[in-house]
Amino acid sequence: MAETIDKPEATAATATAAAGGRLAHFQRDLMALTKFRLSILVLVTALCGYFAAVKSPDAAGFDWTRLIDLGVGTLLAAFGSAVFNQLMEVDADARMRRTAGRPLPARRIPAGMAFAFGWVLSAFGVIHLGMRVNATAAFVAGATLLSYLFVYTPMKRRTGLNTLAGAVAGALPPLIGWAGGGGGLLTWGAAFLFLLLFLWQLPHFVAINWMYREEYERGGFVMWSNGDVSGARTARLALGFSLLVALLPVLPVVTGVARAWFLPAGAAVGGVMAWLAWKFFKTRRRTDARGLFFCTLLYLPVILVLALMAWR
């Protein structure tokens, strides 16, 4: 009798657990489809741009509502661009071990559904910025989408210069926030934010490209690291770009954007990256390339915090 009573309860519990498991898998697929962690980074840089802009003496001042609207619009646009990027690269992702498990190449999410989802996210993001923040922020978000999808993504199959194009697209999000906070695009503050993200991405990408060069070659992508078995070319690029990163704090101090103490502090943080790039240049070992890559991950939040603290 006890077994007869318990069986329906066990069946219901099993069905609930199965439904919960499917929901968890679907949530993970959505996070992968929207490149959730990368999109959060885009959001953070946009918010930093906003905080920098509202500290300017001629800005309208901090506004919680505008900050939230800026975050929502930026995040939706970032999600949408990530979906379209994966739609455009689904065949290449299927050939690479590190991306073959993504929801589109693994056929867990239909391409048609992803296409509609990407359109809704992108359109709502840009329109929301235009209606709730300002037209300039919406314009920069639209330029980010277009450059990422129609310049950088196609160039990845044609030339190693795609890294520069990708760095341009990746350097625009802080200007969404800067414009949202009332900052002008043709100012030294905007120039510094753009160059900071642009230059930071270069050693970051060349390091990871070299570590996974066989994967990129298998996927049909043309990267600077392709065929660079010794690491000589990649190490030279990484060192040169890292030195530029270390020198960048000169710009905001000289132009009056940041207080004088930002120069030694920013140069010291960038100097750590340059030292790791030099180490990779001397050894050309994968472990040293990995060390440089992880340093770039730590560098960005540290330099953004320092910059906001030093902003005039």
C-alpha atoms as a PDB file:
ATOM      1  CA  MET A   1       0.000   0.000   0.000  1.00  0.00           C
ATOM      2  CA  ALA A   2       2.821   2.398   0.896  1.00  0.00           C
ATOM      3  CA  GLU A   3       4.468   1.794  -2.491  1.00  0.00           C
ATOM      4  CA  THR A   4       1.160   2.448  -4.244  1.00  0.00           C
ATOM      5  CA  ILE A   5       0.777   5.795  -2.429  1.00  0.00           C
ATOM      6  CA  ASP A   6       4.408   6.903  -2.934  1.00  0.00           C
ATOM      7  CA  LYS A   7       4.650   6.245  -6.682  1.00  0.00           C
ATOM      8  CA  PRO A   8       2.590   9.255  -7.854  1.00  0.00           C
ATOM      9  CA  GLU A   9       4.589  11.524  -5.539  1.00  0.00           C
ATOM     10  CA  ALA A  10       7.862  10.119  -6.856  1.00  0.00           C
ATOM     11  CA  THR A  11       6.683  10.556 -10.446  1.00  0.00           C
ATOM     12  CA  ALA A  12       5.667  14.166  -9.793  1.00  0.00           C
ATOM     13  CA  ALA A  13       8.992  14.900  -8.099  1.00  0.00           C
ATOM     14  CA  THR A  14      10.870  13.363 -11.035  1.00  0.00           C
ATOM     15  CA  ALA A  15       8.871  15.421 -13.528  1.00  0.00           C
ATOM     16  CA  THR A  16       9.490  18.610 -11.540  1.00  0.00           C
ATOM     17  CA  ALA A  17      13.206  17.881 -11.357  1.00  0.00           C
ATOM     18  CA  ALA A  18      13.308  17.201 -15.117  1.00  0.00           C
ATOM     19  CA  ALA A  19      11.480  20.457 -15.857  1.00  0.00           C
ATOM     20  CA  GLY A  20      13.884  22.314 -13.571  1.00  0.00           C
ATOM     21  CA  GLY A  21      16.829  20.743 -15.350  1.00  0.00           C
ATOM     22  CA  ARG A  22      15.490  21.769 -18.770  1.00  0.00           C
ATOM     23  CA  LEU A  23      14.936  25.314 -17.540  1.00  0.00           C
ATOM     24  CA  ALA A  24      18.479  25.487 -16.154  1.00  0.00           C
ATOM     25  CA  HIS A  25      19.886  24.234 -19.485  1.00  0.00           C
ATOM     26  CA  PHE A  26      17.807  26.811 -21.377  1.00  0.00           C
ATOM     27  CA  GLN A  27      19.019  29.600 -19.106  1.00  0.00           C
ATOM     28  CA  ARG A  28      22.625  28.555 -19.701  1.00  0.00           C
ATOM     29  CA  ASP A  29      21.998  28.516 -23.445  1.00  0.00           C
ATOM     30  CA  LEU A  30      20.510  32.021 -23.325  1.00  0.00           C
ATOM     31  CA  MET A  31      23.529  33.255 -21.396  1.00  0.00           C
ATOM     32  CA  ALA A  32      25.839  31.695 -23.986  1.00  0.00           C
ATOM     33  CA  LEU A  33      23.785  33.063 -26.892  1.00  0.00           C
ATOM     34  CA  THR A  34      23.918  36.601 -25.501  1.00  0.00           C
ATOM     35  CA  LYS A  35      27.570  36.256 -24.379  1.00  0.00           C
ATOM     36  CA  PHE A  36      26.428  37.295 -20.947  1.00  0.00           C
ATOM     37  CA  ARG A  37      29.827  37.948 -19.345  1.00  0.00           C
ATOM     38  CA  LEU A  38      31.095  39.949 -22.326  1.00  0.00           C
ATOM     39  CA  SER A  39      27.843  41.928 -22.420  1.00  0.00           C
ATOM     40  CA  ILE A  40      28.206  42.725 -18.720  1.00  0.00           C
ATOM     41  CA  LEU A  41      31.703  44.067 -19.470  1.00  0.00           C
ATOM     42  CA  VAL A  42      30.172  46.288 -22.178  1.00  0.00           C
ATOM     43  CA  LEU A  43      27.636  47.509 -19.625  1.00  0.00           C
ATOM     44  CA  VAL A  44      30.317  48.256 -17.023  1.00  0.00           C
ATOM     45  CA  THR A  45      32.403  50.312 -19.447  1.00  0.00           C
ATOM     46  CA  ALA A  46      29.313  52.253 -20.535  1.00  0.00           C
ATOM     47  CA  LEU A  47      28.429  53.012 -16.913  1.00  0.00           C
ATOM     48  CA  CYS A  48      31.999  54.162 -16.273  1.00  0.00           C
ATOM     49  CA  GLY A  49      31.652  56.533 -19.210  1.00  0.00           C
ATOM     50  CA  TYR A  50      28.476  57.935 -17.651  1.00  0.00           C
ATOM     51  CA  PHE A  51      30.075  58.433 -14.245  1.00  0.00           C
ATOM     52  CA  ALA A  52      33.016  60.226 -15.870  1.00  0.00           C
ATOM     53  CA  ALA A  53      30.719  62.517 -17.872  1.00  0.00           C
ATOM     54  CA  VAL A  54      28.555  63.598 -14.948  1.00  0.00           C
ATOM     55  CA  LYS A  55      31.665  64.633 -13.006  1.00  0.00           C
ATOM     56  CA  SER A  56      32.360  67.292 -15.626  1.00  0.00           C
ATOM     57  CA  PRO A  57      31.467  70.843 -14.513  1.00  0.00           C
ATOM     58  CA  ASP A  58      29.162  71.507 -17.486  1.00  0.00           C
ATOM     59  CA  ALA A  59      27.229  68.212 -17.144  1.00  0.00           C
ATOM     60  CA  ALA A  60      23.608  68.080 -16.025  1.00  0.00           C
ATOM     61  CA  GLY A  61      24.507  65.965 -12.988  1.00  0.00           C
ATOM     62  CA  PHE A  62      23.819  62.447 -11.825  1.00  0.00           C
ATOM     63  CA  ASP A  63      20.361  61.003 -12.482  1.00  0.00           C
ATOM     64  CA  TRP A  64      19.409  57.515 -11.260  1.00  0.00           C
ATOM     65  CA  THR A  65      16.613  57.151 -13.821  1.00  0.00           C
ATOM     66  CA  ARG A  66      18.898  58.020 -16.701  1.00  0.00           C
ATOM     67  CA  LEU A  67      21.576  55.684 -15.364  1.00  0.00           C
ATOM     68  CA  ILE A  68      19.097  52.781 -15.259  1.00  0.00           C
ATOM     69  CA  ASP A  69      17.757  53.577 -18.736  1.00  0.00           C
ATOM     70  CA  LEU A  70      21.317  53.778 -20.031  1.00  0.00           C
ATOM     71  CA  GLY A  71      22.124  50.389 -18.520  1.00  0.00           C
ATOM     72  CA  VAL A  72      18.990  48.722 -19.896  1.00  0.00           C
ATOM     73  CA  GLY A  73      19.476  50.053 -23.423  1.00  0.00           C
ATOM     74  CA  THR A  74      23.186  49.274 -23.528  1.00  0.00           C
ATOM     75  CA  LEU A  75      22.731  45.745 -22.195  1.00  0.00           C
ATOM     76  CA  LEU A  76      19.924  44.930 -24.640  1.00  0.00           C
ATOM     77  CA  ALA A  77      22.001  46.204 -27.575  1.00  0.00           C
ATOM     78  CA  ALA A  78      25.013  44.190 -26.386  1.00  0.00           C
ATOM     79  CA  PHE A  79      22.883  41.054 -26.086  1.00  0.00           C
ATOM     80  CA  GLY A  80      21.514  41.574 -29.592  1.00  0.00           C
ATOM     81  CA  SER A  81      24.932  42.073 -31.177  1.00  0.00           C
ATOM     82  CA  ALA A  82      26.182  38.886 -29.494  1.00  0.00           C
ATOM     83  CA  VAL A  83      23.272  36.890 -30.935  1.00  0.00           C
ATOM     84  CA  PHE A  84      23.834  38.204 -34.462  1.00  0.00           C
ATOM     85  CA  ASN A  85      27.589  37.621 -34.201  1.00  0.00           C
ATOM     86  CA  GLN A  86      27.010  33.949 -33.390  1.00  0.00           C
ATOM     87  CA  LEU A  87      24.479  33.630 -36.203  1.00  0.00           C
ATOM     88  CA  MET A  88      27.064  34.976 -38.637  1.00  0.00           C
ATOM     89  CA  GLU A  89      29.776  32.635 -37.327  1.00  0.00           C
ATOM     90  CA  VAL A  90      27.793  29.472 -36.632  1.00  0.00           C
ATOM     91  CA  ASP A  91      29.714  27.422 -39.211  1.00  0.00           C
ATOM     92  CA  ALA A  92      33.087  28.549 -37.851  1.00  0.00           C
ATOM     93  CA  ASP A  93      31.986  27.917 -34.268  1.00  0.00           C
ATOM     94  CA  ALA A  94      31.005  24.367 -35.224  1.00  0.00           C
ATOM     95  CA  ARG A  95      34.591  23.678 -36.374  1.00  0.00           C
ATOM     96  CA  MET A  96      36.276  24.910 -33.194  1.00  0.00           C
ATOM     97  CA  ARG A  97      36.340  22.770 -30.054  1.00  0.00           C
ATOM     98  CA  ARG A  98      36.043  25.738 -27.695  1.00  0.00           C
ATOM     99  CA  THR A  99      32.840  26.988 -29.388  1.00  0.00           C
ATOM    100  CA  ALA A 100      31.239  23.859 -30.848  1.00  0.00           C
ATOM    101  CA  GLY A 101      29.121  23.454 -27.720  1.00  0.00           C
ATOM    102  CA  ARG A 102      27.417  26.822 -28.129  1.00  0.00           C
ATOM    103  CA  PRO A 103      23.632  26.608 -28.569  1.00  0.00           C
ATOM    104  CA  LEU A 104      23.548  27.480 -32.292  1.00  0.00           C
ATOM    105  CA  PRO A 105      26.234  25.107 -33.665  1.00  0.00           C
ATOM    106  CA  ALA A 106      24.977  22.426 -31.266  1.00  0.00           C
ATOM    107  CA  ARG A 107      21.438  23.027 -32.666  1.00  0.00           C
ATOM    108  CA  ARG A 108      19.840  23.489 -29.257  1.00  0.00           C
ATOM    109  CA  ILE A 109      18.331  26.825 -30.345  1.00  0.00           C
ATOM    110  CA  PRO A 110      16.895  27.224 -33.884  1.00  0.00           C
ATOM    111  CA  ALA A 111      18.582  29.870 -36.032  1.00  0.00           C
ATOM    112  CA  GLY A 112      15.241  31.489 -36.881  1.00  0.00           C
ATOM    113  CA  MET A 113      14.396  31.942 -33.227  1.00  0.00           C
ATOM    114  CA  ALA A 114      17.835  33.405 -32.540  1.00  0.00           C
ATOM    115  CA  PHE A 115      17.481  35.811 -35.482  1.00  0.00           C
ATOM    116  CA  ALA A 116      14.161  37.151 -34.204  1.00  0.00           C
ATOM    117  CA  PHE A 117      15.535  37.342 -30.671  1.00  0.00           C
ATOM    118  CA  GLY A 118      18.572  39.293 -31.860  1.00  0.00           C
ATOM    119  CA  TRP A 119      16.434  41.771 -33.778  1.00  0.00           C
ATOM    120  CA  VAL A 120      14.163  42.413 -30.805  1.00  0.00           C
ATOM    121  CA  LEU A 121      17.075  42.910 -28.413  1.00  0.00           C
ATOM    122  CA  SER A 122      19.059  45.185 -30.749  1.00  0.00           C
ATOM    123  CA  ALA A 123      16.080  47.299 -31.809  1.00  0.00           C
ATOM    124  CA  PHE A 124      14.702  47.714 -28.307  1.00  0.00           C
ATOM    125  CA  GLY A 125      18.163  48.579 -26.980  1.00  0.00           C
ATOM    126  CA  VAL A 126      18.894  51.349 -29.484  1.00  0.00           C
ATOM    127  CA  ILE A 127      15.317  52.702 -29.447  1.00  0.00           C
ATOM    128  CA  HIS A 128      15.272  52.711 -25.647  1.00  0.00           C
ATOM    129  CA  LEU A 129      18.495  54.723 -25.573  1.00  0.00           C
ATOM    130  CA  GLY A 130      17.092  57.189 -28.088  1.00  0.00           C
ATOM    131  CA  MET A 131      13.807  57.691 -26.263  1.00  0.00           C
ATOM    132  CA  ARG A 132      14.931  57.506 -22.650  1.00  0.00           C
ATOM    133  CA  VAL A 133      18.542  58.765 -22.707  1.00  0.00           C
ATOM    134  CA  ASN A 134      19.431  60.859 -25.764  1.00  0.00           C
ATOM    135  CA  ALA A 135      19.965  60.621 -29.506  1.00  0.00           C
ATOM    136  CA  THR A 136      23.763  60.717 -29.245  1.00  0.00           C
ATOM    137  CA  ALA A 137      23.883  57.674 -26.975  1.00  0.00           C
ATOM    138  CA  ALA A 138      21.561  55.821 -29.363  1.00  0.00           C
ATOM    139  CA  PHE A 139      23.749  56.849 -32.315  1.00  0.00           C
ATOM    140  CA  VAL A 140      26.914  55.508 -30.650  1.00  0.00           C
ATOM    141  CA  ALA A 141      25.123  52.258 -29.730  1.00  0.00           C
ATOM    142  CA  GLY A 142      23.993  51.876 -33.344  1.00  0.00           C
ATOM    143  CA  ALA A 143      27.523  52.555 -34.576  1.00  0.00           C
ATOM    144  CA  THR A 144      28.818  49.915 -32.176  1.00  0.00           C
ATOM    145  CA  LEU A 145      26.373  47.337 -33.534  1.00  0.00           C
ATOM    146  CA  LEU A 146      27.111  48.133 -37.168  1.00  0.00           C
ATOM    147  CA  SER A 147      30.890  48.173 -36.798  1.00  0.00           C
ATOM    148  CA  TYR A 148      30.910  44.949 -34.777  1.00  0.00           C
ATOM    149  CA  LEU A 149      28.625  43.017 -37.106  1.00  0.00           C
ATOM    150  CA  PHE A 150      29.345  44.429 -40.565  1.00  0.00           C
ATOM    151  CA  VAL A 151      32.997  45.451 -40.307  1.00  0.00           C
ATOM    152  CA  TYR A 152      34.745  43.382 -37.651  1.00  0.00           C
ATOM    153  CA  THR A 153      32.888  40.071 -38.074  1.00  0.00           C
ATOM    154  CA  PRO A 154      33.382  39.784 -41.897  1.00  0.00           C
ATOM    155  CA  MET A 155      36.999  40.970 -41.623  1.00  0.00           C
ATOM    156  CA  LYS A 156      37.841  38.031 -39.338  1.00  0.00           C
ATOM    157  CA  ARG A 157      37.777  35.768 -42.401  1.00  0.00           C
ATOM    158  CA  ARG A 158      39.866  38.100 -44.580  1.00  0.00           C
ATOM    159  CA  THR A 159      42.670  39.903 -42.754  1.00  0.00           C
ATOM    160  CA  GLY A 160      44.477  40.088 -39.452  1.00  0.00           C
ATOM    161  CA  LEU A 161      43.581  43.771 -39.343  1.00  0.00           C
ATOM    162  CA  ASN A 162      40.233  42.596 -38.002  1.00  0.00           C
ATOM    163  CA  THR A 163      41.775  42.934 -34.532  1.00  0.00           C
ATOM    164  CA  LEU A 164      42.005  46.705 -35.019  1.00  0.00           C
ATOM    165  CA  ALA A 165      38.432  46.853 -36.320  1.00  0.00           C
ATOM    166  CA  GLY A 166      37.232  44.801 -33.364  1.00  0.00           C
ATOM    167  CA  ALA A 167      39.084  47.085 -30.984  1.00  0.00           C
ATOM    168  CA  VAL A 168      37.280  50.093 -32.479  1.00  0.00           C
ATOM    169  CA  ALA A 169      33.891  48.433 -31.944  1.00  0.00           C
ATOM    170  CA  GLY A 170      34.897  47.418 -28.429  1.00  0.00           C
ATOM    171  CA  ALA A 171      36.051  50.948 -27.586  1.00  0.00           C
ATOM    172  CA  LEU A 172      32.698  52.582 -28.371  1.00  0.00           C
ATOM    173  CA  PRO A 173      30.573  51.391 -25.386  1.00  0.00           C
ATOM    174  CA  PRO A 174      32.140  53.830 -22.859  1.00  0.00           C
ATOM    175  CA  LEU A 175      31.168  56.604 -25.266  1.00  0.00           C
ATOM    176  CA  ILE A 176      27.538  55.455 -25.031  1.00  0.00           C
ATOM    177  CA  GLY A 177      27.703  56.227 -21.321  1.00  0.00           C
ATOM    178  CA  TRP A 178      29.750  59.385 -21.877  1.00  0.00           C
ATOM    179  CA  ALA A 179      27.118  60.699 -24.308  1.00  0.00           C
ATOM    180  CA  GLY A 180      24.343  59.600 -21.960  1.00  0.00           C
ATOM    181  CA  GLY A 181      25.897  61.679 -19.199  1.00  0.00           C
ATOM    182  CA  GLY A 182      25.998  64.767 -21.406  1.00  0.00           C
ATOM    183  CA  GLY A 183      29.618  64.558 -22.519  1.00  0.00           C
ATOM    184  CA  GLY A 184      30.606  65.717 -25.988  1.00  0.00           C
ATOM    185  CA  LEU A 185      32.139  63.185 -28.349  1.00  0.00           C
ATOM    186  CA  LEU A 186      34.791  65.624 -29.600  1.00  0.00           C
ATOM    187  CA  THR A 187      36.458  66.143 -26.221  1.00  0.00           C
ATOM    188  CA  TRP A 188      39.637  64.940 -24.543  1.00  0.00           C
ATOM    189  CA  GLY A 189      37.581  62.950 -22.055  1.00  0.00           C
ATOM    190  CA  ALA A 190      35.885  61.002 -24.829  1.00  0.00           C
ATOM    191  CA  ALA A 191      39.223  60.520 -26.602  1.00  0.00           C
ATOM    192  CA  PHE A 192      40.826  59.075 -23.478  1.00  0.00           C
ATOM    193  CA  LEU A 193      37.950  56.651 -22.811  1.00  0.00           C
ATOM    194  CA  PHE A 194      38.015  55.481 -26.407  1.00  0.00           C
ATOM    195  CA  LEU A 195      41.792  55.029 -26.504  1.00  0.00           C
ATOM    196  CA  LEU A 196      41.821  53.271 -23.138  1.00  0.00           C
ATOM    197  CA  LEU A 197      39.442  50.558 -24.345  1.00  0.00           C
ATOM    198  CA  PHE A 198      40.987  50.451 -27.822  1.00  0.00           C
ATOM    199  CA  LEU A 199      44.573  49.949 -26.658  1.00  0.00           C
ATOM    200  CA  TRP A 200      43.635  47.599 -23.799  1.00  0.00           C
ATOM    201  CA  GLN A 201      41.999  45.159 -26.195  1.00  0.00           C
ATOM    202  CA  LEU A 202      45.072  44.751 -28.411  1.00  0.00           C
ATOM    203  CA  PRO A 203      47.436  42.863 -26.039  1.00  0.00           C
ATOM    204  CA  HIS A 204      44.368  41.089 -24.644  1.00  0.00           C
ATOM    205  CA  PHE A 205      43.372  39.718 -28.044  1.00  0.00           C
ATOM    206  CA  VAL A 206      46.811  38.924 -29.451  1.00  0.00           C
ATOM    207  CA  ALA A 207      47.598  36.851 -26.356  1.00  0.00           C
ATOM    208  CA  ILE A 208      44.419  34.774 -26.551  1.00  0.00           C
ATOM    209  CA  ASN A 209      44.674  34.488 -30.330  1.00  0.00           C
ATOM    210  CA  TRP A 210      48.140  33.000 -30.060  1.00  0.00           C
ATOM    211  CA  MET A 211      47.168  30.560 -27.315  1.00  0.00           C
ATOM    212  CA  TYR A 212      44.297  29.257 -29.462  1.00  0.00           C
ATOM    213  CA  ARG A 213      45.764  29.876 -32.908  1.00  0.00           C
ATOM    214  CA  GLU A 214      45.076  26.323 -34.111  1.00  0.00           C
ATOM    215  CA  GLU A 215      41.419  26.761 -33.147  1.00  0.00           C
ATOM    216  CA  TYR A 216      41.133  30.049 -35.031  1.00  0.00           C
ATOM    217  CA  GLU A 217      42.810  28.538 -38.079  1.00  0.00           C
ATOM    218  CA  ARG A 218      40.423  25.578 -37.945  1.00  0.00           C
ATOM    219  CA  GLY A 219      37.493  27.979 -37.795  1.00  0.00           C
ATOM    220  CA  GLY A 220      38.699  29.835 -40.895  1.00  0.00           C
ATOM    221  CA  PHE A 221      39.610  33.069 -39.093  1.00  0.00           C
ATOM    222  CA  VAL A 222      42.587  35.131 -40.286  1.00  0.00           C
ATOM    223  CA  MET A 223      44.417  36.380 -37.196  1.00  0.00           C
ATOM    224  CA  TRP A 224      47.854  37.918 -36.662  1.00  0.00           C
ATOM    225  CA  SER A 225      48.807  34.806 -34.710  1.00  0.00           C
ATOM    226  CA  ASN A 226      48.032  32.364 -37.536  1.00  0.00           C
ATOM    227  CA  GLY A 227      51.096  30.311 -38.379  1.00  0.00           C
ATOM    228  CA  ASP A 228      53.152  32.051 -35.688  1.00  0.00           C
ATOM    229  CA  VAL A 229      54.317  28.811 -34.071  1.00  0.00           C
ATOM    230  CA  SER A 230      57.333  30.429 -32.396  1.00  0.00           C
ATOM    231  CA  GLY A 231      55.285  33.318 -31.036  1.00  0.00           C
ATOM    232  CA  ALA A 232      57.833  35.862 -32.311  1.00  0.00           C
ATOM    233  CA  ARG A 233      55.370  38.009 -34.261  1.00  0.00           C
ATOM    234  CA  THR A 234      52.690  37.847 -31.581  1.00  0.00           C
ATOM    235  CA  ALA A 235      55.161  38.696 -28.803  1.00  0.00           C
ATOM    236  CA  ARG A 236      56.392  41.785 -30.680  1.00  0.00           C
ATOM    237  CA  LEU A 237      52.833  42.979 -31.156  1.00  0.00           C
ATOM    238  CA  ALA A 238      51.917  42.295 -27.541  1.00  0.00           C
ATOM    239  CA  LEU A 239      54.960  44.197 -26.287  1.00  0.00           C
ATOM    240  CA  GLY A 240      54.363  47.184 -28.546  1.00  0.00           C
ATOM    241  CA  PHE A 241      50.688  47.443 -27.643  1.00  0.00           C
ATOM    242  CA  SER A 242      51.411  47.030 -23.925  1.00  0.00           C
ATOM    243  CA  LEU A 243      53.935  49.875 -24.007  1.00  0.00           C
ATOM    244  CA  LEU A 244      51.285  52.118 -25.572  1.00  0.00           C
ATOM    245  CA  VAL A 245      48.887  51.130 -22.781  1.00  0.00           C
ATOM    246  CA  ALA A 246      51.501  52.073 -20.178  1.00  0.00           C
ATOM    247  CA  LEU A 247      52.056  55.478 -21.835  1.00  0.00           C
ATOM    248  CA  LEU A 248      48.367  56.338 -22.232  1.00  0.00           C
ATOM    249  CA  PRO A 249      47.930  57.980 -18.766  1.00  0.00           C
ATOM    250  CA  VAL A 250      50.022  60.876 -20.076  1.00  0.00           C
ATOM    251  CA  LEU A 251      47.083  62.019 -22.237  1.00  0.00           C
ATOM    252  CA  PRO A 252      44.409  62.728 -19.598  1.00  0.00           C
ATOM    253  CA  VAL A 253      46.908  64.411 -17.258  1.00  0.00           C
ATOM    254  CA  VAL A 254      48.404  66.681 -19.925  1.00  0.00           C
ATOM    255  CA  THR A 255      44.956  67.671 -21.237  1.00  0.00           C
ATOM    256  CA  GLY A 256      43.574  68.342 -17.761  1.00  0.00           C
ATOM    257  CA  VAL A 257      41.051  65.510 -17.818  1.00  0.00           C
ATOM    258  CA  ALA A 258      42.607  63.758 -14.805  1.00  0.00           C
ATOM    259  CA  ARG A 259      44.582  64.863 -11.760  1.00  0.00           C
ATOM    260  CA  ALA A 260      48.366  64.648 -11.853  1.00  0.00           C
ATOM    261  CA  TRP A 261      48.605  61.583  -9.589  1.00  0.00           C
ATOM    262  CA  PHE A 262      46.900  59.483 -12.267  1.00  0.00           C
ATOM    263  CA  LEU A 263      50.054  59.568 -14.401  1.00  0.00           C
ATOM    264  CA  PRO A 264      52.350  57.586 -12.063  1.00  0.00           C
ATOM    265  CA  ALA A 265      49.506  55.367 -10.843  1.00  0.00           C
ATOM    266  CA  GLY A 266      48.226  54.543 -14.326  1.00  0.00           C
ATOM    267  CA  ALA A 267      51.725  54.107 -15.730  1.00  0.00           C
ATOM    268  CA  ALA A 268      52.595  51.715 -12.896  1.00  0.00           C
ATOM    269  CA  VAL A 269      49.554  49.541 -13.580  1.00  0.00           C
ATOM    270  CA  GLY A 270      50.269  49.578 -17.301  1.00  0.00           C
ATOM    271  CA  GLY A 271      53.912  48.892 -16.558  1.00  0.00           C
ATOM    272  CA  VAL A 272      52.979  45.544 -15.014  1.00  0.00           C
ATOM    273  CA  MET A 273      51.319  44.586 -18.285  1.00  0.00           C
ATOM    274  CA  ALA A 274      54.341  45.778 -20.267  1.00  0.00           C
ATOM    275  CA  TRP A 275      56.655  43.740 -18.031  1.00  0.00           C
ATOM    276  CA  LEU A 276      54.574  40.585 -18.609  1.00  0.00           C
ATOM    277  CA  ALA A 277      54.565  41.298 -22.340  1.00  0.00           C
ATOM    278  CA  TRP A 278      58.367  41.624 -22.196  1.00  0.00           C
ATOM    279  CA  LYS A 279      58.549  38.304 -20.383  1.00  0.00           C
ATOM    280  CA  PHE A 280      56.453  36.684 -23.118  1.00  0.00           C
ATOM    281  CA  PHE A 281      58.679  38.375 -25.714  1.00  0.00           C
ATOM    282  CA  LYS A 282      61.769  36.783 -24.151  1.00  0.00           C
ATOM    283  CA  THR A 283      60.405  33.272 -23.505  1.00  0.00           C
ATOM    284  CA  ARG A 284      57.544  32.884 -26.020  1.00  0.00           C
ATOM    285  CA  ARG A 285      55.965  30.316 -23.758  1.00  0.00           C
ATOM    286  CA  ARG A 286      52.257  29.633 -23.556  1.00  0.00           C
ATOM    287  CA  THR A 287      52.321  30.092 -19.783  1.00  0.00           C
ATOM    288  CA  ASP A 288      53.685  33.621 -20.183  1.00  0.00           C
ATOM    289  CA  ALA A 289      51.114  34.438 -22.872  1.00  0.00           C
ATOM    290  CA  ARG A 290      48.452  33.229 -20.452  1.00  0.00           C
ATOM    291  CA  GLY A 291      49.933  35.406 -17.702  1.00  0.00           C
ATOM    292  CA  LEU A 292      49.697  38.444 -19.981  1.00  0.00           C
ATOM    293  CA  PHE A 293      46.112  37.572 -20.873  1.00  0.00           C
ATOM    294  CA  PHE A 294      45.028  37.339 -17.237  1.00  0.00           C
ATOM    295  CA  CYS A 295      46.852  40.578 -16.476  1.00  0.00           C
ATOM    296  CA  THR A 296      44.732  42.352 -19.097  1.00  0.00           C
ATOM    297  CA  LEU A 297      41.610  41.061 -17.335  1.00  0.00           C
ATOM    298  CA  LEU A 298      42.767  42.611 -14.063  1.00  0.00           C
ATOM    299  CA  TYR A 299      44.105  45.788 -15.654  1.00  0.00           C
ATOM    300  CA  LEU A 300      40.792  47.085 -16.985  1.00  0.00           C
ATOM    301  CA  PRO A 301      38.795  47.316 -13.735  1.00  0.00           C
ATOM    302  CA  VAL A 302      41.811  48.719 -11.882  1.00  0.00           C
ATOM    303  CA  ILE A 303      42.518  51.457 -14.437  1.00  0.00           C
ATOM    304  CA  LEU A 304      38.834  52.378 -14.728  1.00  0.00           C
ATOM    305  CA  VAL A 305      38.543  52.823 -10.963  1.00  0.00           C
ATOM    306  CA  LEU A 306      41.733  54.899 -10.880  1.00  0.00           C
ATOM    307  CA  ALA A 307      40.542  57.022 -13.796  1.00  0.00           C
ATOM    308  CA  LEU A 308      37.186  57.753 -12.160  1.00  0.00           C
ATOM    309  CA  MET A 309      38.908  58.651  -8.893  1.00  0.00           C
ATOM    310  CA  ALA A 310      41.291  61.011 -10.694  1.00  0.00           C
ATOM    311  CA  TRP A 311      38.698  62.519 -13.069  1.00  0.00           C
ATOM    312  CA  ARG A 312      38.396  66.320 -12.804  1.00  0.00           C
END
